């Protein structure tokens, strides 16, 4: 069961990682931050005490990982653009 949850979190971050992979040649920062956001968002919510009860925790973790990966991608693209401008 735990392996299925971890695989679903991997799949949640896949679209943002795919978008970041196209810019990996320029800078790896968007890829790293999208991966970090996909893992940090559910973990931060868990340690903040926002863990929902089972079975609703799986969709909530998936949604947090999905949103965190896109937030990390956006931050990585913004920081990568600033780095290129300097």
N, C-alpha and C. Protein backbone atom coordinates (compact mmCIF):
# COMPACT_ATOMS: atom_id res chain seq x y z
N UNK A 1 0.83 -1.19 0.00
CA UNK A 1 0.00 0.00 0.00
C UNK A 1 0.87 1.26 0.00
N UNK A 2 1.93 1.22 0.82
CA UNK A 2 2.82 2.38 0.87
C UNK A 2 3.50 2.62 -0.46
N UNK A 3 3.86 1.54 -1.14
CA UNK A 3 4.48 1.67 -2.46
C UNK A 3 3.51 2.30 -3.46
N UNK A 4 2.24 1.97 -3.39
CA UNK A 4 1.25 2.57 -4.26
C UNK A 4 1.08 4.06 -3.98
N UNK A 5 1.11 4.44 -2.73
CA UNK A 5 1.02 5.86 -2.37
C UNK A 5 2.23 6.62 -2.90
N UNK A 6 3.42 6.07 -2.71
CA UNK A 6 4.63 6.73 -3.20
C UNK A 6 4.63 6.84 -4.72
N UNK A 7 4.16 5.82 -5.40
CA UNK A 7 4.08 5.86 -6.86
C UNK A 7 3.09 6.92 -7.31
N UNK A 8 1.98 7.07 -6.60
CA UNK A 8 1.01 8.10 -6.98
C UNK A 8 1.58 9.50 -6.77
N UNK A 9 2.40 9.69 -5.74
CA UNK A 9 3.05 10.99 -5.52
C UNK A 9 4.06 11.27 -6.63
N UNK A 10 4.72 10.22 -7.10
CA UNK A 10 5.62 10.38 -8.25
C UNK A 10 4.83 10.81 -9.48
N UNK A 11 3.68 10.19 -9.70
CA UNK A 11 2.85 10.55 -10.84
C UNK A 11 2.26 11.95 -10.72
N UNK A 12 2.05 12.42 -9.51
CA UNK A 12 1.53 13.77 -9.31
C UNK A 12 2.52 14.82 -9.79
N UNK A 13 3.79 14.58 -9.61
CA UNK A 13 4.80 15.54 -10.02
C UNK A 13 5.29 15.35 -11.44
N UNK A 14 4.83 14.32 -12.12
CA UNK A 14 5.31 14.02 -13.46
C UNK A 14 5.04 15.11 -14.49
N UNK A 15 3.83 15.72 -14.55
CA UNK A 15 3.61 16.77 -15.56
C UNK A 15 4.53 17.98 -15.39
N UNK A 16 4.72 18.42 -14.17
CA UNK A 16 5.62 19.57 -13.95
C UNK A 16 7.06 19.18 -14.24
N UNK A 17 7.45 17.97 -13.90
CA UNK A 17 8.79 17.51 -14.21
C UNK A 17 9.05 17.41 -15.70
N UNK A 18 8.03 17.01 -16.43
CA UNK A 18 8.15 16.91 -17.88
C UNK A 18 8.35 18.31 -18.48
N UNK A 19 7.58 19.27 -17.99
CA UNK A 19 7.73 20.64 -18.47
C UNK A 19 9.13 21.19 -18.12
N UNK A 20 9.62 20.87 -16.96
CA UNK A 20 10.94 21.35 -16.54
C UNK A 20 12.05 20.65 -17.30
N UNK A 21 11.82 19.43 -17.72
CA UNK A 21 12.84 18.68 -18.44
C UNK A 21 13.22 19.30 -19.76
N UNK A 22 12.32 20.03 -20.37
CA UNK A 22 12.62 20.70 -21.63
C UNK A 22 13.61 21.84 -21.46
N UNK A 23 13.74 22.34 -20.27
CA UNK A 23 14.65 23.46 -20.00
C UNK A 23 15.87 23.02 -19.19
N UNK A 24 16.07 21.73 -19.08
CA UNK A 24 17.17 21.22 -18.27
C UNK A 24 18.53 21.60 -18.85
N UNK A 25 18.60 21.75 -20.17
CA UNK A 25 19.86 22.12 -20.81
C UNK A 25 20.29 23.52 -20.39
N UNK A 26 19.32 24.43 -20.25
CA UNK A 26 19.63 25.81 -19.85
C UNK A 26 20.05 25.86 -18.38
N UNK A 27 19.21 25.34 -17.53
CA UNK A 27 19.49 25.31 -16.09
C UNK A 27 18.68 24.17 -15.47
N UNK A 28 19.27 23.41 -14.56
CA UNK A 28 18.54 22.32 -13.92
C UNK A 28 17.65 22.80 -12.76
N UNK A 29 17.67 24.08 -12.46
CA UNK A 29 16.94 24.61 -11.32
C UNK A 29 15.43 24.33 -11.38
N UNK A 30 14.73 24.54 -12.52
CA UNK A 30 13.30 24.22 -12.53
C UNK A 30 13.00 22.75 -12.24
N UNK A 31 13.83 21.85 -12.74
CA UNK A 31 13.61 20.43 -12.49
C UNK A 31 13.80 20.11 -11.02
N UNK A 32 14.86 20.63 -10.42
CA UNK A 32 15.13 20.35 -9.02
C UNK A 32 14.03 20.90 -8.12
N UNK A 33 13.59 22.13 -8.41
CA UNK A 33 12.57 22.73 -7.56
C UNK A 33 11.19 22.11 -7.76
N UNK A 34 10.90 21.63 -8.97
CA UNK A 34 9.61 20.93 -9.15
C UNK A 34 9.62 19.60 -8.41
N UNK A 35 10.75 18.90 -8.42
CA UNK A 35 10.83 17.65 -7.65
C UNK A 35 10.75 17.94 -6.15
N UNK A 36 11.45 18.97 -5.71
CA UNK A 36 11.43 19.31 -4.29
C UNK A 36 10.03 19.74 -3.85
N UNK A 37 9.36 20.52 -4.66
CA UNK A 37 8.00 20.97 -4.32
C UNK A 37 7.02 19.82 -4.24
N UNK A 38 7.20 18.83 -5.10
CA UNK A 38 6.32 17.66 -5.07
C UNK A 38 6.46 16.84 -3.81
N UNK A 39 7.62 16.88 -3.18
CA UNK A 39 7.82 16.14 -1.94
C UNK A 39 7.64 17.00 -0.71
N UNK A 40 8.04 18.26 -0.80
CA UNK A 40 8.01 19.13 0.38
C UNK A 40 6.57 19.51 0.76
N UNK A 41 5.71 19.75 -0.20
CA UNK A 41 4.34 20.19 0.12
C UNK A 41 3.58 19.16 0.96
N UNK A 42 3.52 17.87 0.58
CA UNK A 42 2.82 16.92 1.44
C UNK A 42 3.50 16.71 2.79
N UNK A 43 4.83 16.71 2.81
CA UNK A 43 5.55 16.51 4.07
C UNK A 43 5.33 17.69 5.01
N UNK A 44 5.38 18.90 4.47
CA UNK A 44 5.15 20.08 5.30
C UNK A 44 3.73 20.09 5.86
N UNK A 45 2.76 19.70 5.05
CA UNK A 45 1.38 19.64 5.54
C UNK A 45 1.24 18.57 6.62
N UNK A 46 1.92 17.46 6.45
CA UNK A 46 1.85 16.39 7.44
C UNK A 46 2.41 16.85 8.79
N UNK A 47 3.58 17.48 8.76
CA UNK A 47 4.20 17.92 10.01
C UNK A 47 3.52 19.16 10.60
N UNK A 48 2.73 19.86 9.80
CA UNK A 48 1.98 21.00 10.33
C UNK A 48 0.71 20.54 11.02
N UNK A 49 0.41 19.25 10.96
CA UNK A 49 -0.76 18.73 11.63
C UNK A 49 -2.00 18.70 10.76
N UNK A 50 -1.83 18.78 9.45
CA UNK A 50 -2.97 18.79 8.54
C UNK A 50 -3.24 17.43 7.91
N UNK A 51 -2.79 16.38 8.57
CA UNK A 51 -3.00 15.06 7.97
C UNK A 51 -4.47 14.65 8.11
N UNK A 52 -5.12 14.36 7.00
CA UNK A 52 -6.51 13.89 7.06
C UNK A 52 -6.55 12.40 7.37
N UNK A 53 -7.69 11.93 7.74
CA UNK A 53 -7.86 10.51 8.07
C UNK A 53 -7.96 9.68 6.79
N UNK A 54 -7.56 8.43 6.89
CA UNK A 54 -7.67 7.52 5.76
C UNK A 54 -9.12 7.25 5.46
N UNK A 55 -9.61 7.16 4.28
CA UNK A 55 -8.95 7.08 2.97
C UNK A 55 -8.81 8.43 2.26
N UNK A 56 -9.18 9.51 2.88
CA UNK A 56 -9.08 10.79 2.19
C UNK A 56 -7.66 11.33 2.17
N UNK A 57 -6.73 10.70 2.89
CA UNK A 57 -5.36 11.22 2.91
C UNK A 57 -4.64 11.00 1.58
N UNK A 58 -4.97 9.95 0.86
CA UNK A 58 -4.31 9.68 -0.41
C UNK A 58 -4.62 10.76 -1.45
N UNK A 59 -5.88 11.11 -1.70
CA UNK A 59 -6.16 12.19 -2.65
C UNK A 59 -5.61 13.55 -2.18
N UNK A 60 -5.62 13.78 -0.88
CA UNK A 60 -5.08 15.04 -0.37
C UNK A 60 -3.58 15.11 -0.60
N UNK A 61 -2.87 14.03 -0.35
CA UNK A 61 -1.42 14.01 -0.59
C UNK A 61 -1.13 14.16 -2.08
N UNK A 62 -1.94 13.53 -2.93
CA UNK A 62 -1.76 13.66 -4.38
C UNK A 62 -1.96 15.11 -4.81
N UNK A 63 -3.00 15.75 -4.30
CA UNK A 63 -3.28 17.15 -4.66
C UNK A 63 -2.17 18.08 -4.17
N UNK A 64 -1.68 17.85 -2.96
CA UNK A 64 -0.59 18.67 -2.44
C UNK A 64 0.69 18.46 -3.24
N UNK A 65 0.99 17.24 -3.61
CA UNK A 65 2.18 16.98 -4.42
C UNK A 65 2.05 17.60 -5.79
N UNK A 66 0.88 17.52 -6.39
CA UNK A 66 0.65 18.12 -7.70
C UNK A 66 0.83 19.63 -7.63
N UNK A 67 0.21 20.27 -6.65
CA UNK A 67 0.32 21.72 -6.50
C UNK A 67 1.74 22.13 -6.14
N UNK A 68 2.40 21.38 -5.29
CA UNK A 68 3.77 21.71 -4.90
C UNK A 68 4.75 21.60 -6.05
N UNK A 69 4.56 20.60 -6.91
CA UNK A 69 5.46 20.46 -8.05
C UNK A 69 5.30 21.62 -9.02
N UNK A 70 4.07 22.07 -9.25
CA UNK A 70 3.86 23.21 -10.15
C UNK A 70 4.36 24.51 -9.52
N UNK A 71 4.21 24.65 -8.21
CA UNK A 71 4.75 25.84 -7.54
C UNK A 71 6.27 25.85 -7.61
N UNK A 72 6.89 24.70 -7.42
CA UNK A 72 8.34 24.59 -7.55
C UNK A 72 8.81 24.88 -8.96
N UNK A 73 8.05 24.40 -9.95
CA UNK A 73 8.41 24.69 -11.34
C UNK A 73 8.34 26.18 -11.62
N UNK A 74 7.28 26.83 -11.16
CA UNK A 74 7.16 28.28 -11.37
C UNK A 74 8.29 29.05 -10.70
N UNK A 75 8.63 28.66 -9.49
CA UNK A 75 9.73 29.31 -8.78
C UNK A 75 11.05 29.06 -9.49
N UNK A 76 11.26 27.84 -9.96
CA UNK A 76 12.49 27.52 -10.68
C UNK A 76 12.62 28.28 -11.98
N UNK A 77 11.52 28.44 -12.71
CA UNK A 77 11.57 29.21 -13.95
C UNK A 77 11.84 30.68 -13.67
N UNK A 78 11.24 31.20 -12.62
CA UNK A 78 11.46 32.61 -12.25
C UNK A 78 12.92 32.83 -11.84
N UNK A 79 13.46 31.96 -11.02
CA UNK A 79 14.85 32.10 -10.59
C UNK A 79 15.81 31.86 -11.74
N UNK A 80 15.48 30.93 -12.63
CA UNK A 80 16.33 30.69 -13.80
C UNK A 80 16.36 31.88 -14.73
N UNK A 81 15.24 32.56 -14.90
CA UNK A 81 15.19 33.75 -15.74
C UNK A 81 16.01 34.88 -15.12
N UNK A 82 15.90 35.03 -13.83
CA UNK A 82 16.70 36.08 -13.15
C UNK A 82 18.17 35.78 -13.25
N UNK A 83 18.54 34.53 -13.15
CA UNK A 83 19.95 34.15 -13.25
C UNK A 83 20.48 34.43 -14.66
N UNK A 84 19.68 34.13 -15.69
CA UNK A 84 20.10 34.41 -17.07
C UNK A 84 20.23 35.90 -17.33
N UNK A 85 19.36 36.71 -16.72
CA UNK A 85 19.40 38.17 -16.96
C UNK A 85 20.62 38.80 -16.32
N UNK A 86 21.13 38.19 -15.28
CA UNK A 86 22.30 38.77 -14.60
C UNK A 86 23.51 38.35 -15.31
